[in-house]
């Protein structure tokens, strides 16, 4: 099958498969997902990190496209898995970010331009006035629990997508998410700004 240009509605998996013999098609996946991968990295680290790590995510994906799982795989989840692995290499930077947020005055963080408007967690935290405690709670989480929580809260992946991104069973996703949210709620006196109940049911299905 030869695809010379973008075909509306063509599944990501088909585009990736065809890009093995027609590399130029990979640009369609870059155009579709670069923005959200960039925002995910920026939300966990910084915009400075996002420039490099988002680009590296797609470079790794391009080079490894022949090894993609194929049928049943989700390209978007696969990309988030690559990005998460890259973020783990910068865990000290993420720790520093949470320490800085924990020290920052919440009122200062709500001024225009002080944070990325696309960072939904920080926006909800500012609204609740509980940024310091949330930053401390996120920093205290085990790395695996934090990855699951932020893939659901920032990237809005479903449970099966998180399982695929991290290479873990779906049941492990559920247990890690439950544990992480329990820690957040305990730290925040019952509040959980990482949770969006309007999407809670969707996250369990594909």
C-alpha atoms as a PDB file:
ATOM      1  CA  UNK A   1       0.000   0.000   0.000  1.00  0.00           C
ATOM      2  CA  UNK A   2       1.454   3.377  -0.997  1.00  0.00           C
ATOM      3  CA  UNK A   3       0.393   6.527   0.775  1.00  0.00           C
ATOM      4  CA  UNK A   4       1.848   9.632  -0.841  1.00  0.00           C
ATOM      5  CA  UNK A   5       0.072  12.225   1.261  1.00  0.00           C
ATOM      6  CA  UNK A   6      -2.036  12.577   4.383  1.00  0.00           C
ATOM      7  CA  UNK A   7      -5.237  10.562   4.316  1.00  0.00           C
ATOM      8  CA  UNK A   8      -7.975  11.940   6.618  1.00  0.00           C
ATOM      9  CA  UNK A   9      -9.064   9.411   9.195  1.00  0.00           C
ATOM     10  CA  UNK A  10      -6.179   7.013   8.614  1.00  0.00           C
ATOM     11  CA  UNK A  11      -5.284   5.392  11.977  1.00  0.00           C
ATOM     12  CA  UNK A  12      -2.016   6.392  13.593  1.00  0.00           C
ATOM     13  CA  UNK A  13      -0.890   2.773  13.567  1.00  0.00           C
ATOM     14  CA  UNK A  14      -1.322   2.598   9.788  1.00  0.00           C
ATOM     15  CA  UNK A  15       0.624   5.822   9.305  1.00  0.00           C
ATOM     16  CA  UNK A  16       3.444   4.505  11.453  1.00  0.00           C
ATOM     17  CA  UNK A  17       3.474   1.185   9.626  1.00  0.00           C
ATOM     18  CA  UNK A  18       3.639   2.857   6.220  1.00  0.00           C
ATOM     19  CA  UNK A  19       6.361   5.223   7.434  1.00  0.00           C
ATOM     20  CA  UNK A  20       8.714   2.257   7.622  1.00  0.00           C
ATOM     21  CA  UNK A  21       8.974   2.315   3.846  1.00  0.00           C
ATOM     22  CA  UNK A  22       7.893   5.940   3.317  1.00  0.00           C
ATOM     23  CA  UNK A  23       9.680   7.856   6.120  1.00  0.00           C
ATOM     24  CA  UNK A  24       8.175  11.210   5.102  1.00  0.00           C
ATOM     25  CA  UNK A  25       4.816  10.035   6.456  1.00  0.00           C
ATOM     26  CA  UNK A  26       6.160  10.141  10.000  1.00  0.00           C
ATOM     27  CA  UNK A  27       5.783  13.929   9.833  1.00  0.00           C
ATOM     28  CA  UNK A  28       2.026  13.417  10.184  1.00  0.00           C
ATOM     29  CA  UNK A  29       2.519  11.893  13.633  1.00  0.00           C
ATOM     30  CA  UNK A  30       4.931  14.655  14.600  1.00  0.00           C
ATOM     31  CA  UNK A  31       2.390  17.305  13.579  1.00  0.00           C
ATOM     32  CA  UNK A  32      -0.405  15.513  15.440  1.00  0.00           C
ATOM     33  CA  UNK A  33       1.337  14.935  18.763  1.00  0.00           C
ATOM     34  CA  UNK A  34       4.359  17.184  19.176  1.00  0.00           C
ATOM     35  CA  UNK A  35       2.345  19.922  20.890  1.00  0.00           C
ATOM     36  CA  UNK A  36       0.894  17.720  23.592  1.00  0.00           C
ATOM     37  CA  UNK A  37       4.167  15.869  24.219  1.00  0.00           C
ATOM     38  CA  UNK A  38       5.854  19.265  24.569  1.00  0.00           C
ATOM     39  CA  UNK A  39       3.236  20.407  27.102  1.00  0.00           C
ATOM     40  CA  UNK A  40       3.533  17.159  29.064  1.00  0.00           C
ATOM     41  CA  UNK A  41       7.309  17.531  29.403  1.00  0.00           C
ATOM     42  CA  UNK A  42       6.986  21.227  30.227  1.00  0.00           C
ATOM     43  CA  UNK A  43       4.386  20.444  32.875  1.00  0.00           C
ATOM     44  CA  UNK A  44       6.686  17.958  34.580  1.00  0.00           C
ATOM     45  CA  UNK A  45      10.015  19.723  34.044  1.00  0.00           C
ATOM     46  CA  UNK A  46      10.179  23.074  32.230  1.00  0.00           C
ATOM     47  CA  UNK A  47       9.766  24.663  28.831  1.00  0.00           C
ATOM     48  CA  UNK A  48      13.543  24.588  28.426  1.00  0.00           C
ATOM     49  CA  UNK A  49      13.549  20.816  28.883  1.00  0.00           C
ATOM     50  CA  UNK A  50      10.487  20.435  26.657  1.00  0.00           C
ATOM     51  CA  UNK A  51      12.241  21.821  23.581  1.00  0.00           C
ATOM     52  CA  UNK A  52      14.899  19.116  23.710  1.00  0.00           C
ATOM     53  CA  UNK A  53      12.967  16.178  25.135  1.00  0.00           C
ATOM     54  CA  UNK A  54       9.950  16.518  22.848  1.00  0.00           C
ATOM     55  CA  UNK A  55      12.288  16.520  19.850  1.00  0.00           C
ATOM     56  CA  UNK A  56      14.205  13.546  21.271  1.00  0.00           C
ATOM     57  CA  UNK A  57      10.943  11.670  21.848  1.00  0.00           C
ATOM     58  CA  UNK A  58      10.115  11.825  18.148  1.00  0.00           C
ATOM     59  CA  UNK A  59      13.657  11.040  17.096  1.00  0.00           C
ATOM     60  CA  UNK A  60      13.606   7.866  19.209  1.00  0.00           C
ATOM     61  CA  UNK A  61      10.153   6.993  17.885  1.00  0.00           C
ATOM     62  CA  UNK A  62      11.261   7.498  14.284  1.00  0.00           C
ATOM     63  CA  UNK A  63      14.339   5.349  14.714  1.00  0.00           C
ATOM     64  CA  UNK A  64      12.351   2.660  16.511  1.00  0.00           C
ATOM     65  CA  UNK A  65       9.223   2.699  14.350  1.00  0.00           C
ATOM     66  CA  UNK A  66       9.978  -0.747  12.914  1.00  0.00           C
ATOM     67  CA  UNK A  67       9.791  -2.197  16.437  1.00  0.00           C
ATOM     68  CA  UNK A  68       6.386  -0.722  17.301  1.00  0.00           C
ATOM     69  CA  UNK A  69       3.963  -3.338  18.615  1.00  0.00           C
ATOM     70  CA  UNK A  70       1.599  -3.060  15.657  1.00  0.00           C
ATOM     71  CA  UNK A  71      -1.957  -4.387  16.015  1.00  0.00           C
ATOM     72  CA  UNK A  72      -3.463  -3.390  19.327  1.00  0.00           C
ATOM     73  CA  UNK A  73      -0.804  -0.756  19.972  1.00  0.00           C
ATOM     74  CA  UNK A  74      -1.531   2.917  20.514  1.00  0.00           C
ATOM     75  CA  UNK A  75       0.943   5.308  18.951  1.00  0.00           C
ATOM     76  CA  UNK A  76      -0.018   8.153  21.292  1.00  0.00           C
ATOM     77  CA  UNK A  77       0.568   6.004  24.379  1.00  0.00           C
ATOM     78  CA  UNK A  78       3.844   4.770  22.904  1.00  0.00           C
ATOM     79  CA  UNK A  79       5.046   8.360  22.448  1.00  0.00           C
ATOM     80  CA  UNK A  80       4.106   9.254  26.027  1.00  0.00           C
ATOM     81  CA  UNK A  81       6.003   6.198  27.223  1.00  0.00           C
ATOM     82  CA  UNK A  82       9.132   7.374  25.421  1.00  0.00           C
ATOM     83  CA  UNK A  83       8.726  10.885  26.839  1.00  0.00           C
ATOM     84  CA  UNK A  84       8.227   9.534  30.362  1.00  0.00           C
ATOM     85  CA  UNK A  85      11.401   7.470  30.110  1.00  0.00           C
ATOM     86  CA  UNK A  86      13.305  10.577  29.027  1.00  0.00           C
ATOM     87  CA  UNK A  87      11.825  12.565  31.920  1.00  0.00           C
ATOM     88  CA  UNK A  88      13.073   9.916  34.343  1.00  0.00           C
ATOM     89  CA  UNK A  89      16.631  10.752  33.308  1.00  0.00           C
ATOM     90  CA  UNK A  90      15.972  14.252  34.604  1.00  0.00           C
ATOM     91  CA  UNK A  91      14.356  13.232  37.885  1.00  0.00           C
ATOM     92  CA  UNK A  92      16.630  15.570  39.845  1.00  0.00           C
ATOM     93  CA  UNK A  93      15.343  18.505  37.809  1.00  0.00           C
ATOM     94  CA  UNK A  94      11.764  17.418  38.496  1.00  0.00           C
ATOM     95  CA  UNK A  95      12.548  17.178  42.211  1.00  0.00           C
ATOM     96  CA  UNK A  96      14.007  20.685  42.131  1.00  0.00           C
ATOM     97  CA  UNK A  97      10.881  21.975  40.398  1.00  0.00           C
ATOM     98  CA  UNK A  98       8.638  20.580  43.139  1.00  0.00           C
ATOM     99  CA  UNK A  99      10.893  21.998  45.848  1.00  0.00           C
ATOM    100  CA  UNK A 100      10.764  25.411  44.176  1.00  0.00           C
ATOM    101  CA  UNK A 101       6.980  25.256  43.840  1.00  0.00           C
ATOM    102  CA  UNK A 102       6.674  24.237  47.482  1.00  0.00           C
ATOM    103  CA  UNK A 103       8.628  27.349  48.482  1.00  0.00           C
ATOM    104  CA  UNK A 104       6.874  29.708  46.082  1.00  0.00           C
ATOM    105  CA  UNK A 105       4.066  31.943  47.200  1.00  0.00           C
ATOM    106  CA  UNK A 106       0.826  30.689  45.665  1.00  0.00           C
ATOM    107  CA  UNK A 107      -0.327  34.214  44.890  1.00  0.00           C
ATOM    108  CA  UNK A 108       2.813  34.862  42.863  1.00  0.00           C
ATOM    109  CA  UNK A 109       2.166  31.753  40.772  1.00  0.00           C
ATOM    110  CA  UNK A 110      -1.272  32.985  39.709  1.00  0.00           C
ATOM    111  CA  UNK A 111      -0.019  36.170  38.060  1.00  0.00           C
ATOM    112  CA  UNK A 112      -0.287  36.261  34.249  1.00  0.00           C
ATOM    113  CA  UNK A 113       2.736  34.745  32.551  1.00  0.00           C
ATOM    114  CA  UNK A 114       4.023  32.934  35.636  1.00  0.00           C
ATOM    115  CA  UNK A 115       2.867  29.511  34.500  1.00  0.00           C
ATOM    116  CA  UNK A 116       1.893  27.686  31.357  1.00  0.00           C
ATOM    117  CA  UNK A 117      -1.837  28.122  30.766  1.00  0.00           C
ATOM    118  CA  UNK A 118      -1.945  24.576  29.375  1.00  0.00           C
ATOM    119  CA  UNK A 119      -0.742  23.090  32.676  1.00  0.00           C
ATOM    120  CA  UNK A 120      -4.173  22.089  33.967  1.00  0.00           C
ATOM    121  CA  UNK A 121      -2.974  20.789  37.303  1.00  0.00           C
ATOM    122  CA  UNK A 122      -1.188  24.011  38.226  1.00  0.00           C
ATOM    123  CA  UNK A 123      -4.215  26.053  37.129  1.00  0.00           C
ATOM    124  CA  UNK A 124      -6.510  23.992  39.360  1.00  0.00           C
ATOM    125  CA  UNK A 125      -3.992  24.153  42.202  1.00  0.00           C
ATOM    126  CA  UNK A 126      -3.841  27.939  41.957  1.00  0.00           C
ATOM    127  CA  UNK A 127      -7.629  28.041  42.105  1.00  0.00           C
ATOM    128  CA  UNK A 128      -7.572  25.951  45.273  1.00  0.00           C
ATOM    129  CA  UNK A 129      -4.659  27.865  46.793  1.00  0.00           C
ATOM    130  CA  UNK A 130      -2.856  24.635  47.720  1.00  0.00           C
ATOM    131  CA  UNK A 131       0.153  24.653  45.428  1.00  0.00           C
ATOM    132  CA  UNK A 132       2.792  24.226  48.120  1.00  0.00           C
ATOM    133  CA  UNK A 133       1.211  21.143  49.614  1.00  0.00           C
ATOM    134  CA  UNK A 134       0.607  19.564  46.204  1.00  0.00           C
ATOM    135  CA  UNK A 135       4.218  20.105  45.157  1.00  0.00           C
ATOM    136  CA  UNK A 136       5.378  18.442  48.361  1.00  0.00           C
ATOM    137  CA  UNK A 137       2.928  15.580  47.847  1.00  0.00           C
ATOM    138  CA  UNK A 138       4.073  14.966  44.257  1.00  0.00           C
ATOM    139  CA  UNK A 139       7.700  15.054  45.329  1.00  0.00           C
ATOM    140  CA  UNK A 140       7.032  12.445  48.021  1.00  0.00           C
ATOM    141  CA  UNK A 141       5.482   9.943  45.601  1.00  0.00           C
ATOM    142  CA  UNK A 142       7.399   6.944  44.331  1.00  0.00           C
ATOM    143  CA  UNK A 143       8.531   7.611  40.788  1.00  0.00           C
ATOM    144  CA  UNK A 144       6.292   4.909  39.306  1.00  0.00           C
ATOM    145  CA  UNK A 145       3.244   6.222  41.148  1.00  0.00           C
ATOM    146  CA  UNK A 146       4.001   9.782  40.024  1.00  0.00           C
ATOM    147  CA  UNK A 147       4.368   8.668  36.397  1.00  0.00           C
ATOM    148  CA  UNK A 148       0.945   7.012  36.445  1.00  0.00           C
ATOM    149  CA  UNK A 149      -0.735   9.943  38.181  1.00  0.00           C
ATOM    150  CA  UNK A 150       0.651  12.542  35.769  1.00  0.00           C
ATOM    151  CA  UNK A 151       0.021  10.468  32.646  1.00  0.00           C
ATOM    152  CA  UNK A 152      -3.637  10.386  33.709  1.00  0.00           C
ATOM    153  CA  UNK A 153      -3.866  13.947  35.028  1.00  0.00           C
ATOM    154  CA  UNK A 154      -1.682  15.823  32.520  1.00  0.00           C
ATOM    155  CA  UNK A 155      -1.790  13.625  29.411  1.00  0.00           C
ATOM    156  CA  UNK A 156      -5.342  12.350  30.045  1.00  0.00           C
ATOM    157  CA  UNK A 157      -4.403   8.816  29.003  1.00  0.00           C
ATOM    158  CA  UNK A 158      -6.806   5.968  29.688  1.00  0.00           C
ATOM    159  CA  UNK A 159      -5.797   3.120  31.993  1.00  0.00           C
ATOM    160  CA  UNK A 160      -4.980   0.804  29.036  1.00  0.00           C
ATOM    161  CA  UNK A 161      -2.916   3.569  27.419  1.00  0.00           C
ATOM    162  CA  UNK A 162      -0.950   4.186  30.617  1.00  0.00           C
ATOM    163  CA  UNK A 163      -0.349   0.444  30.915  1.00  0.00           C
ATOM    164  CA  UNK A 164       1.001   0.398  27.367  1.00  0.00           C
ATOM    165  CA  UNK A 165       3.086   3.545  27.832  1.00  0.00           C
ATOM    166  CA  UNK A 166       4.821   2.195  30.934  1.00  0.00           C
ATOM    167  CA  UNK A 167       4.846  -1.481  30.020  1.00  0.00           C
ATOM    168  CA  UNK A 168       2.924  -2.544  33.132  1.00  0.00           C
ATOM    169  CA  UNK A 169      -0.365  -4.432  33.692  1.00  0.00           C
ATOM    170  CA  UNK A 170      -3.553  -2.383  33.765  1.00  0.00           C
ATOM    171  CA  UNK A 171      -4.183  -3.576  37.317  1.00  0.00           C
ATOM    172  CA  UNK A 172      -0.866  -2.064  38.349  1.00  0.00           C
ATOM    173  CA  UNK A 173      -1.945   1.237  36.804  1.00  0.00           C
ATOM    174  CA  UNK A 174      -5.102   1.206  38.924  1.00  0.00           C
ATOM    175  CA  UNK A 175      -3.257   0.359  42.140  1.00  0.00           C
ATOM    176  CA  UNK A 176      -0.526   2.944  41.581  1.00  0.00           C
ATOM    177  CA  UNK A 177      -3.077   5.632  40.722  1.00  0.00           C
ATOM    178  CA  UNK A 178      -5.147   4.810  43.789  1.00  0.00           C
ATOM    179  CA  UNK A 179      -2.068   4.950  46.011  1.00  0.00           C
ATOM    180  CA  UNK A 180      -0.878   8.231  44.492  1.00  0.00           C
ATOM    181  CA  UNK A 181      -4.254   9.905  44.829  1.00  0.00           C
ATOM    182  CA  UNK A 182      -4.604   8.725  48.403  1.00  0.00           C
ATOM    183  CA  UNK A 183      -1.275  10.395  49.201  1.00  0.00           C
ATOM    184  CA  UNK A 184      -2.341  13.603  47.460  1.00  0.00           C
ATOM    185  CA  UNK A 185      -5.697  13.689  49.244  1.00  0.00           C
ATOM    186  CA  UNK A 186      -4.013  13.082  52.598  1.00  0.00           C
ATOM    187  CA  UNK A 187      -1.553  15.914  51.994  1.00  0.00           C
ATOM    188  CA  UNK A 188      -4.298  18.290  50.856  1.00  0.00           C
ATOM    189  CA  UNK A 189      -6.901  17.510  53.471  1.00  0.00           C
ATOM    190  CA  UNK A 190      -9.170  15.592  51.125  1.00  0.00           C
ATOM    191  CA  UNK A 191      -8.786  17.738  47.994  1.00  0.00           C
ATOM    192  CA  UNK A 192      -7.373  16.281  44.766  1.00  0.00           C
ATOM    193  CA  UNK A 193      -6.692  18.836  41.980  1.00  0.00           C
ATOM    194  CA  UNK A 194      -5.127  16.093  39.843  1.00  0.00           C
ATOM    195  CA  UNK A 195      -8.542  14.518  39.380  1.00  0.00           C
ATOM    196  CA  UNK A 196     -11.043  15.543  36.718  1.00  0.00           C
ATOM    197  CA  UNK A 197     -14.248  13.663  37.505  1.00  0.00           C
ATOM    198  CA  UNK A 198     -15.779  14.610  34.166  1.00  0.00           C
ATOM    199  CA  UNK A 199     -13.316  12.190  32.535  1.00  0.00           C
ATOM    200  CA  UNK A 200     -13.064   9.546  35.255  1.00  0.00           C
ATOM    201  CA  UNK A 201     -15.147   6.959  33.426  1.00  0.00           C
ATOM    202  CA  UNK A 202     -13.393   7.533  30.082  1.00  0.00           C
ATOM    203  CA  UNK A 203      -9.955   6.844  31.502  1.00  0.00           C
ATOM    204  CA  UNK A 204     -10.724   3.196  32.153  1.00  0.00           C
ATOM    205  CA  UNK A 205     -11.550   2.439  28.533  1.00  0.00           C
ATOM    206  CA  UNK A 206      -9.941   2.961  25.166  1.00  0.00           C
END
